[in-house]
Amino acid sequence: MGKITAQMIPEVINNFKVYGNDGDEYLGVTAEVSLAELSNIVSSITGAGLAGTFDSPVIGHYDSIKQEIPFRIMTSNAVKMMDPMQVLRLNIRGAIQMTDKSTGVSAFTGLRYVVGGRCIKFAPGKLKAGDVMDCTATIEATYILVEADGEKIIELDKVNNIFSVNGKDLLEEVRKYC
């Protein structure tokens, strides 16, 4: 297992799989997953002594986060995600392929993306002979975790008021005051 350093050139995601039930239940086959976009809630700042207005991010607060998980075929595991009474915890685990600049040797390291929340939309897809169904589940994400090299690089937990970047909990002080 390699480590992402200045010496390594990250090249591609060699492969990945989608798991449910917090990582131990294989959910199905997908061709591609776009990771959810994190968009800060902002407050417009204006007032005496300022030469105009600017938007300031409210630290750790994010707009609604929608995570789509597409599946090639609708399966019973994919359909289980529809239950809005259950909180989902999906793990997408992949392998980053890299090359060492000095030796040209290839290496791999892990990438893990975890999304938690409840299903708010389920599209069964289409039926066409000899083609995929393009089934899609959409989750309202309240939890996001991204790990590379086994290190947490992003963790957002809306319900528990946690927001960490590269291991630094940016809301730790806020939680002390509230």
Protein backbone atom coordinates (compact mmCIF):
# COMPACT_ATOMS: atom_id res chain seq x y z
CA MET A 1 0.00 0.00 0.00
CA GLY A 2 1.39 3.37 -1.01
CA LYS A 3 1.00 6.73 0.60
CA ILE A 4 0.10 9.92 -1.25
CA THR A 5 3.20 12.10 -1.03
CA ALA A 6 4.87 14.71 -3.24
CA GLN A 7 6.83 11.77 -4.70
CA MET A 8 3.66 10.00 -5.85
CA ILE A 9 1.56 10.94 -8.86
CA PRO A 10 -2.12 10.10 -8.23
CA GLU A 11 -3.43 8.78 -11.56
CA VAL A 12 -6.88 7.20 -11.46
CA ILE A 13 -9.47 5.45 -9.33
CA ASN A 14 -8.56 1.90 -10.29
CA ASN A 15 -11.85 0.47 -9.04
CA PHE A 16 -14.52 0.95 -6.37
CA LYS A 17 -17.58 -0.71 -4.84
CA VAL A 18 -20.67 0.55 -3.00
CA TYR A 19 -21.58 -0.98 0.35
CA GLY A 20 -24.51 -0.40 2.68
CA ASN A 21 -25.28 -1.21 6.30
CA ASP A 22 -22.25 0.87 7.34
CA GLY A 23 -19.90 -1.00 5.05
CA ASP A 24 -20.56 -4.71 5.26
CA GLU A 25 -23.33 -5.29 2.70
CA TYR A 26 -22.54 -5.11 -1.02
CA LEU A 27 -25.34 -3.04 -2.61
CA GLY A 28 -24.90 -3.50 -6.33
CA VAL A 29 -23.06 -2.38 -9.42
CA THR A 30 -22.75 1.23 -10.48
CA ALA A 31 -20.67 2.66 -13.28
CA GLU A 32 -20.07 6.08 -11.76
CA VAL A 33 -20.92 8.02 -8.59
CA SER A 34 -20.61 11.80 -8.42
CA LEU A 35 -19.69 12.78 -4.89
CA ALA A 36 -22.00 15.26 -3.18
CA GLU A 37 -21.16 18.93 -3.44
CA LEU A 38 -20.70 20.78 -0.14
CA SER A 39 -21.97 24.36 -0.37
CA ASN A 40 -21.53 26.63 2.66
CA ILE A 41 -24.42 28.58 4.04
CA VAL A 42 -23.28 32.19 3.82
CA SER A 43 -24.26 35.43 5.47
CA SER A 44 -24.00 38.72 3.57
CA ILE A 45 -21.86 41.15 5.52
CA THR A 46 -22.34 44.89 5.12
CA GLY A 47 -22.12 47.91 7.34
CA ALA A 48 -20.37 51.11 8.29
CA GLY A 49 -16.65 51.00 7.61
CA LEU A 50 -16.96 48.36 4.89
CA ALA A 51 -16.61 49.24 1.21
CA GLY A 52 -19.52 47.11 0.06
CA THR A 53 -20.85 43.68 0.87
CA PHE A 54 -19.32 40.23 0.92
CA ASP A 55 -20.53 36.74 1.71
CA SER A 56 -18.98 35.08 4.74
CA PRO A 57 -19.31 31.30 5.22
CA VAL A 58 -21.06 30.22 8.43
CA ILE A 59 -18.39 27.77 9.63
CA GLY A 60 -19.59 24.17 9.54
CA HIS A 61 -23.04 24.98 8.16
CA TYR A 62 -24.01 23.62 4.75
CA ASP A 63 -26.97 23.81 2.42
CA SER A 64 -29.05 20.71 1.80
CA ILE A 65 -26.79 17.94 0.46
CA LYS A 66 -28.22 15.56 -2.11
CA GLN A 67 -26.28 12.37 -2.89
CA GLU A 68 -27.40 10.32 -5.88
CA ILE A 69 -26.40 6.68 -6.03
CA PRO A 70 -27.01 5.18 -9.48
CA PHE A 71 -27.26 1.44 -10.02
CA ARG A 72 -27.10 -0.40 -13.33
CA ILE A 73 -29.98 -2.70 -12.32
CA MET A 74 -32.65 -2.37 -9.61
CA THR A 75 -31.96 -5.04 -6.98
CA SER A 76 -33.55 -5.88 -3.63
CA ASN A 77 -30.54 -4.29 -1.88
CA ALA A 78 -31.05 -1.05 -3.82
CA VAL A 79 -34.77 -1.06 -3.04
CA LYS A 80 -34.03 -1.43 0.71
CA MET A 81 -32.67 2.10 0.54
CA MET A 82 -36.20 3.44 -0.12
CA ASP A 83 -37.35 3.12 3.50
CA PRO A 84 -37.44 6.74 4.79
CA MET A 85 -37.77 5.46 8.37
CA GLN A 86 -34.22 4.11 8.19
CA VAL A 87 -31.01 6.13 8.22
CA LEU A 88 -28.68 4.85 5.54
CA ARG A 89 -24.94 4.67 5.93
CA LEU A 90 -23.29 3.95 2.58
CA ASN A 91 -19.59 3.26 2.12
CA ILE A 92 -17.93 3.68 -1.23
CA ARG A 93 -14.48 2.14 -1.08
CA GLY A 94 -11.99 2.50 -3.87
CA ALA A 95 -8.34 2.17 -4.79
CA ILE A 96 -6.30 5.16 -5.96
CA GLN A 97 -3.64 4.10 -8.46
CA MET A 98 -0.39 6.10 -8.26
CA THR A 99 3.08 6.13 -9.77
CA ASP A 100 6.30 6.87 -7.89
CA LYS A 101 8.08 9.69 -9.78
CA SER A 102 11.58 8.44 -9.04
CA THR A 103 11.09 4.75 -9.84
CA GLY A 104 8.05 4.62 -12.13
CA VAL A 105 6.64 1.85 -9.91
CA SER A 106 2.86 1.73 -9.47
CA ALA A 107 1.24 1.62 -6.04
CA PHE A 108 -2.25 1.81 -4.58
CA THR A 109 -3.83 3.47 -1.60
CA GLY A 110 -7.36 3.53 -0.29
CA LEU A 111 -10.12 6.07 -0.71
CA ARG A 112 -13.30 5.85 1.32
CA TYR A 113 -16.41 8.00 0.98
CA VAL A 114 -19.18 7.54 3.54
CA VAL A 115 -22.58 9.19 3.22
CA GLY A 116 -25.37 8.93 5.76
CA GLY A 117 -28.94 10.14 5.64
CA ARG A 118 -32.40 9.14 4.48
CA CYS A 119 -33.67 8.32 1.04
CA ILE A 120 -35.81 11.14 -0.35
CA LYS A 121 -36.20 9.91 -3.93
CA PHE A 122 -36.05 6.57 -5.69
CA ALA A 123 -36.15 6.23 -9.47
CA PRO A 124 -36.48 2.58 -10.58
CA GLY A 125 -35.13 3.41 -14.04
CA LYS A 126 -36.16 2.07 -17.41
CA LEU A 127 -36.57 -1.26 -19.14
CA LYS A 128 -34.89 -1.78 -22.50
CA ALA A 129 -33.76 -5.11 -23.88
CA GLY A 130 -29.99 -5.50 -23.72
CA ASP A 131 -29.49 -2.31 -21.68
CA VAL A 132 -29.09 -1.15 -18.07
CA MET A 133 -32.01 0.12 -15.98
CA ASP A 134 -30.28 3.22 -14.52
CA CYS A 135 -31.97 2.89 -11.14
CA THR A 136 -31.15 5.83 -8.81
CA ALA A 137 -31.57 6.48 -5.10
CA THR A 138 -31.21 10.04 -3.79
CA ILE A 139 -30.19 10.57 -0.19
CA GLU A 140 -30.56 13.74 1.86
CA ALA A 141 -27.11 13.56 3.39
CA THR A 142 -26.63 14.57 7.00
CA TYR A 143 -23.23 12.85 7.28
CA ILE A 144 -20.24 12.91 4.92
CA LEU A 145 -16.81 11.39 5.52
CA VAL A 146 -13.91 11.30 3.08
CA GLU A 147 -10.76 9.31 3.90
CA ALA A 148 -7.60 9.02 1.83
CA ASP A 149 -4.61 6.95 2.94
CA GLY A 150 -6.67 5.94 5.99
CA GLU A 151 -6.74 9.57 7.18
CA LYS A 152 -9.96 11.55 7.65
CA ILE A 153 -9.73 14.55 5.36
CA ILE A 154 -13.37 15.72 5.56
CA GLU A 155 -16.03 14.88 8.13
CA LEU A 156 -19.36 16.68 8.27
CA ASP A 157 -21.97 15.51 10.75
CA LYS A 158 -24.91 17.94 10.62
CA VAL A 159 -26.87 16.22 13.39
CA ASN A 160 -23.98 16.21 15.90
CA ASN A 161 -22.53 19.61 14.89
CA ILE A 162 -19.15 18.25 13.76
CA PHE A 163 -17.10 19.62 10.89
CA SER A 164 -13.47 18.53 10.48
CA VAL A 165 -10.96 19.28 7.73
CA ASN A 166 -7.70 17.31 7.70
CA GLY A 167 -8.30 16.20 11.29
CA LYS A 168 -9.04 19.68 12.67
CA ASP A 169 -12.53 19.95 14.20
CA LEU A 170 -13.60 23.46 13.23
CA LEU A 171 -16.70 23.36 15.46
CA GLU A 172 -15.07 22.07 18.64
CA GLU A 173 -14.97 25.55 20.16
CA VAL A 174 -18.55 26.28 19.09
CA ARG A 175 -19.78 23.12 20.87
CA LYS A 176 -18.06 24.31 24.07
CA TYR A 177 -20.11 27.52 24.03
CA CYS A 178 -23.46 25.96 23.14
